[in-house]
Amino acid sequence: MSVQPIEDAGDSVPRNAEGIAAALSGARRMEFYRELLAAAPQDAEAVLRRWWCEAVLDVGQARGDQLTAAALAGTLPLRSVASVIEHRRAAGLPVE
């Protein structure tokens, strides 16, 4: 049996307008900018928070699509369960 580590997409999307826009596709990016520019100053933070969540989901979906394609193509890098257990033990994490 093998495992594949999953990266946290939230770490890859900066929590600012530029980072959010970079993570979104063209049409969604334009929708984000329209909503942000139309928001009252007191609502801008809520718009950024909501769209950051959307951007993280988009990045996660793209990463999932890449993992699926690599698995189907047989090119997915794998680690043995034994190496994961050893890594967790070395880090002081539970292995049960």
Foldseek 3Di string as FASTA:
>chain_A
DWDDDDDQLLVQADLDLVSLLVLDDDVVSVVLVVVLVPDDPVCNNVSSVVSSVVSSVSVSVVVVVVQVVCVVVVNHDTDHLVVVLVVCVVVVHDDD
